[in-house]
């Protein structure tokens, strides 16, 4: 059984940086579509970034130019580099992955983590203070 585990989040001041990682454990295979979601208090979960097997990326408009999603060559580890953090980035961040590319072909606003991705982590808290 595959499990995704996010690295520990943390607290930063506005303008700071934080890098999240996601690692797969269990049955070994490569993911074709990987994504990060987040959910702020009182708000719906939203897709933040996705990356497919060919390295094509998508970003939520509010994080473009500040966040970077990447993956390693094994396809079992991926990352979210977050720079120029803002208080509105405060949320629980989740990584999600699939062995097919379908969700990465759709816009971030069209995909739902729990219904469209068979694998996702438990989430990690990121807090940004002003």
C-alpha atoms as a PDB file:
ATOM      1  CA  UNK A   1       0.000   0.000   0.000  1.00  0.00           C
ATOM      2  CA  UNK A   2       1.377   3.379  -0.995  1.00  0.00           C
ATOM      3  CA  UNK A   3       1.537   6.186   1.523  1.00  0.00           C
ATOM      4  CA  UNK A   4       2.520   9.781   0.930  1.00  0.00           C
ATOM      5  CA  UNK A   5       4.255  11.635   3.717  1.00  0.00           C
ATOM      6  CA  UNK A   6       4.834  15.379   3.736  1.00  0.00           C
ATOM      7  CA  UNK A   7       7.822  16.904   5.434  1.00  0.00           C
ATOM      8  CA  UNK A   8       7.247  19.003   8.518  1.00  0.00           C
ATOM      9  CA  UNK A   9       5.893  22.459   7.729  1.00  0.00           C
ATOM     10  CA  UNK A  10       6.697  25.411   9.875  1.00  0.00           C
ATOM     11  CA  UNK A  11       6.265  29.053  10.723  1.00  0.00           C
ATOM     12  CA  UNK A  12       7.805  31.897   8.782  1.00  0.00           C
ATOM     13  CA  UNK A  13       7.529  35.626   8.680  1.00  0.00           C
ATOM     14  CA  UNK A  14       6.127  37.256   5.579  1.00  0.00           C
ATOM     15  CA  UNK A  15       8.730  37.322   2.846  1.00  0.00           C
ATOM     16  CA  UNK A  16      10.377  34.150   4.074  1.00  0.00           C
ATOM     17  CA  UNK A  17      10.829  30.811   2.348  1.00  0.00           C
ATOM     18  CA  UNK A  18       9.951  27.219   3.097  1.00  0.00           C
ATOM     19  CA  UNK A  19      10.421  23.995   1.164  1.00  0.00           C
ATOM     20  CA  UNK A  20       8.003  21.126   1.518  1.00  0.00           C
ATOM     21  CA  UNK A  21       8.782  17.631   0.350  1.00  0.00           C
ATOM     22  CA  UNK A  22       6.604  14.612  -0.242  1.00  0.00           C
ATOM     23  CA  UNK A  23       7.862  11.064  -0.214  1.00  0.00           C
ATOM     24  CA  UNK A  24       6.121   7.864  -1.168  1.00  0.00           C
ATOM     25  CA  UNK A  25       6.564   4.743   0.902  1.00  0.00           C
ATOM     26  CA  UNK A  26       5.328   1.250   0.341  1.00  0.00           C
ATOM     27  CA  UNK A  27       4.821  -0.285  -3.075  1.00  0.00           C
ATOM     28  CA  UNK A  28       7.325   1.171  -5.480  1.00  0.00           C
ATOM     29  CA  UNK A  29       6.220   2.758  -8.719  1.00  0.00           C
ATOM     30  CA  UNK A  30       6.488   6.135 -10.397  1.00  0.00           C
ATOM     31  CA  UNK A  31       3.769   8.707 -10.230  1.00  0.00           C
ATOM     32  CA  UNK A  32       2.654  10.418 -13.424  1.00  0.00           C
ATOM     33  CA  UNK A  33       0.870  13.339 -11.824  1.00  0.00           C
ATOM     34  CA  UNK A  34       1.830  15.014  -8.570  1.00  0.00           C
ATOM     35  CA  UNK A  35       0.223  17.989  -6.906  1.00  0.00           C
ATOM     36  CA  UNK A  36       0.060  20.138  -3.837  1.00  0.00           C
ATOM     37  CA  UNK A  37      -3.200  21.301  -2.291  1.00  0.00           C
ATOM     38  CA  UNK A  38      -3.862  23.550   0.659  1.00  0.00           C
ATOM     39  CA  UNK A  39      -6.741  24.369   2.954  1.00  0.00           C
ATOM     40  CA  UNK A  40      -6.877  27.521   5.022  1.00  0.00           C
ATOM     41  CA  UNK A  41      -9.159  27.809   8.060  1.00  0.00           C
ATOM     42  CA  UNK A  42     -12.738  28.340   7.008  1.00  0.00           C
ATOM     43  CA  UNK A  43     -11.944  27.942   3.322  1.00  0.00           C
ATOM     44  CA  UNK A  44     -12.264  25.176   0.785  1.00  0.00           C
ATOM     45  CA  UNK A  45      -9.261  23.125  -0.225  1.00  0.00           C
ATOM     46  CA  UNK A  46      -7.584  24.417  -3.375  1.00  0.00           C
ATOM     47  CA  UNK A  47      -4.997  23.136  -5.797  1.00  0.00           C
ATOM     48  CA  UNK A  48      -1.715  25.020  -5.509  1.00  0.00           C
ATOM     49  CA  UNK A  49       0.517  23.388  -8.100  1.00  0.00           C
ATOM     50  CA  UNK A  50       0.851  20.265 -10.198  1.00  0.00           C
ATOM     51  CA  UNK A  51       3.599  18.616 -12.201  1.00  0.00           C
ATOM     52  CA  UNK A  52       3.317  15.767 -14.669  1.00  0.00           C
ATOM     53  CA  UNK A  53       5.710  13.076 -15.798  1.00  0.00           C
ATOM     54  CA  UNK A  54       7.169  15.331 -18.475  1.00  0.00           C
ATOM     55  CA  UNK A  55       7.744  18.186 -16.054  1.00  0.00           C
ATOM     56  CA  UNK A  56       4.832  20.319 -17.206  1.00  0.00           C
ATOM     57  CA  UNK A  57       3.603  22.485 -14.361  1.00  0.00           C
ATOM     58  CA  UNK A  58       0.499  24.395 -13.382  1.00  0.00           C
ATOM     59  CA  UNK A  59       0.126  26.957 -10.600  1.00  0.00           C
ATOM     60  CA  UNK A  60      -2.626  28.706  -8.727  1.00  0.00           C
ATOM     61  CA  UNK A  61      -2.592  32.326  -9.894  1.00  0.00           C
ATOM     62  CA  UNK A  62      -1.867  33.689  -6.429  1.00  0.00           C
ATOM     63  CA  UNK A  63       1.348  31.645  -6.106  1.00  0.00           C
ATOM     64  CA  UNK A  64       2.743  32.075  -9.618  1.00  0.00           C
ATOM     65  CA  UNK A  65       6.276  33.452  -9.493  1.00  0.00           C
ATOM     66  CA  UNK A  66       6.595  32.610  -5.796  1.00  0.00           C
ATOM     67  CA  UNK A  67       6.124  28.848  -5.569  1.00  0.00           C
ATOM     68  CA  UNK A  68       7.929  26.162  -7.558  1.00  0.00           C
ATOM     69  CA  UNK A  69       6.913  22.525  -7.797  1.00  0.00           C
ATOM     70  CA  UNK A  70       9.527  19.958  -8.759  1.00  0.00           C
ATOM     71  CA  UNK A  71      10.089  16.236  -8.728  1.00  0.00           C
ATOM     72  CA  UNK A  72      13.033  13.891  -8.677  1.00  0.00           C
ATOM     73  CA  UNK A  73      13.888  11.361 -11.363  1.00  0.00           C
ATOM     74  CA  UNK A  74      12.426   8.420  -9.478  1.00  0.00           C
ATOM     75  CA  UNK A  75       8.960   9.911  -9.588  1.00  0.00           C
ATOM     76  CA  UNK A  76       8.502   9.080  -5.930  1.00  0.00           C
ATOM     77  CA  UNK A  77       9.593  12.357  -4.401  1.00  0.00           C
ATOM     78  CA  UNK A  78       8.360  15.814  -5.149  1.00  0.00           C
ATOM     79  CA  UNK A  79       8.726  19.234  -3.635  1.00  0.00           C
ATOM     80  CA  UNK A  80       7.160  22.647  -3.215  1.00  0.00           C
ATOM     81  CA  UNK A  81       9.543  25.556  -2.836  1.00  0.00           C
ATOM     82  CA  UNK A  82       7.669  28.501  -1.386  1.00  0.00           C
ATOM     83  CA  UNK A  83       9.299  31.927  -1.551  1.00  0.00           C
ATOM     84  CA  UNK A  84       8.045  35.407  -0.733  1.00  0.00           C
ATOM     85  CA  UNK A  85       5.529  33.885   1.632  1.00  0.00           C
ATOM     86  CA  UNK A  86       2.464  35.887   2.557  1.00  0.00           C
ATOM     87  CA  UNK A  87       0.112  35.583   5.540  1.00  0.00           C
ATOM     88  CA  UNK A  88      -2.600  34.383   3.146  1.00  0.00           C
ATOM     89  CA  UNK A  89      -0.429  31.342   2.369  1.00  0.00           C
ATOM     90  CA  UNK A  90      -1.157  30.074   5.875  1.00  0.00           C
ATOM     91  CA  UNK A  91      -2.849  26.701   5.493  1.00  0.00           C
ATOM     92  CA  UNK A  92      -2.513  22.978   5.829  1.00  0.00           C
ATOM     93  CA  UNK A  93      -0.631  21.742   2.765  1.00  0.00           C
ATOM     94  CA  UNK A  94      -1.224  18.306   1.293  1.00  0.00           C
ATOM     95  CA  UNK A  95       0.651  16.387  -1.377  1.00  0.00           C
ATOM     96  CA  UNK A  96      -1.231  14.139  -3.756  1.00  0.00           C
ATOM     97  CA  UNK A  97      -0.252  11.811  -6.574  1.00  0.00           C
ATOM     98  CA  UNK A  98      -1.619   9.511  -9.209  1.00  0.00           C
ATOM     99  CA  UNK A  99      -0.164   6.856 -11.474  1.00  0.00           C
ATOM    100  CA  UNK A 100      -1.971   8.281 -14.473  1.00  0.00           C
ATOM    101  CA  UNK A 101      -1.739  11.761 -15.936  1.00  0.00           C
ATOM    102  CA  UNK A 102      -5.416  12.620 -16.206  1.00  0.00           C
ATOM    103  CA  UNK A 103      -5.594  15.070 -13.315  1.00  0.00           C
ATOM    104  CA  UNK A 104      -2.532  16.950 -14.536  1.00  0.00           C
ATOM    105  CA  UNK A 105      -4.230  17.545 -17.877  1.00  0.00           C
ATOM    106  CA  UNK A 106      -7.040  19.418 -16.148  1.00  0.00           C
ATOM    107  CA  UNK A 107      -6.829  22.862 -14.584  1.00  0.00           C
ATOM    108  CA  UNK A 108      -6.158  23.070 -10.857  1.00  0.00           C
ATOM    109  CA  UNK A 109      -9.593  24.530 -10.308  1.00  0.00           C
ATOM    110  CA  UNK A 110     -11.206  21.430 -11.797  1.00  0.00           C
ATOM    111  CA  UNK A 111      -9.558  18.781  -9.660  1.00  0.00           C
ATOM    112  CA  UNK A 112     -10.420  17.677  -6.151  1.00  0.00           C
ATOM    113  CA  UNK A 113      -7.775  16.041  -4.049  1.00  0.00           C
ATOM    114  CA  UNK A 114      -9.821  13.276  -2.477  1.00  0.00           C
ATOM    115  CA  UNK A 115     -11.932  12.366  -5.498  1.00  0.00           C
ATOM    116  CA  UNK A 116      -9.308  12.734  -8.243  1.00  0.00           C
ATOM    117  CA  UNK A 117      -6.110  11.511  -6.575  1.00  0.00           C
ATOM    118  CA  UNK A 118      -5.864   7.983  -5.147  1.00  0.00           C
ATOM    119  CA  UNK A 119      -2.889   8.889  -2.974  1.00  0.00           C
ATOM    120  CA  UNK A 120      -2.526  11.880  -0.659  1.00  0.00           C
ATOM    121  CA  UNK A 121      -0.780  12.756   2.571  1.00  0.00           C
ATOM    122  CA  UNK A 122      -2.074  13.734   5.979  1.00  0.00           C
ATOM    123  CA  UNK A 123      -1.121  17.360   5.593  1.00  0.00           C
ATOM    124  CA  UNK A 124       1.394  19.684   7.178  1.00  0.00           C
ATOM    125  CA  UNK A 125       0.812  23.098   8.706  1.00  0.00           C
ATOM    126  CA  UNK A 126       2.404  26.200   7.213  1.00  0.00           C
ATOM    127  CA  UNK A 127       1.953  29.443   9.111  1.00  0.00           C
ATOM    128  CA  UNK A 128       3.066  32.824   7.824  1.00  0.00           C
ATOM    129  CA  UNK A 129       3.016  35.812  10.129  1.00  0.00           C
ATOM    130  CA  UNK A 130       2.930  39.437   9.059  1.00  0.00           C
END
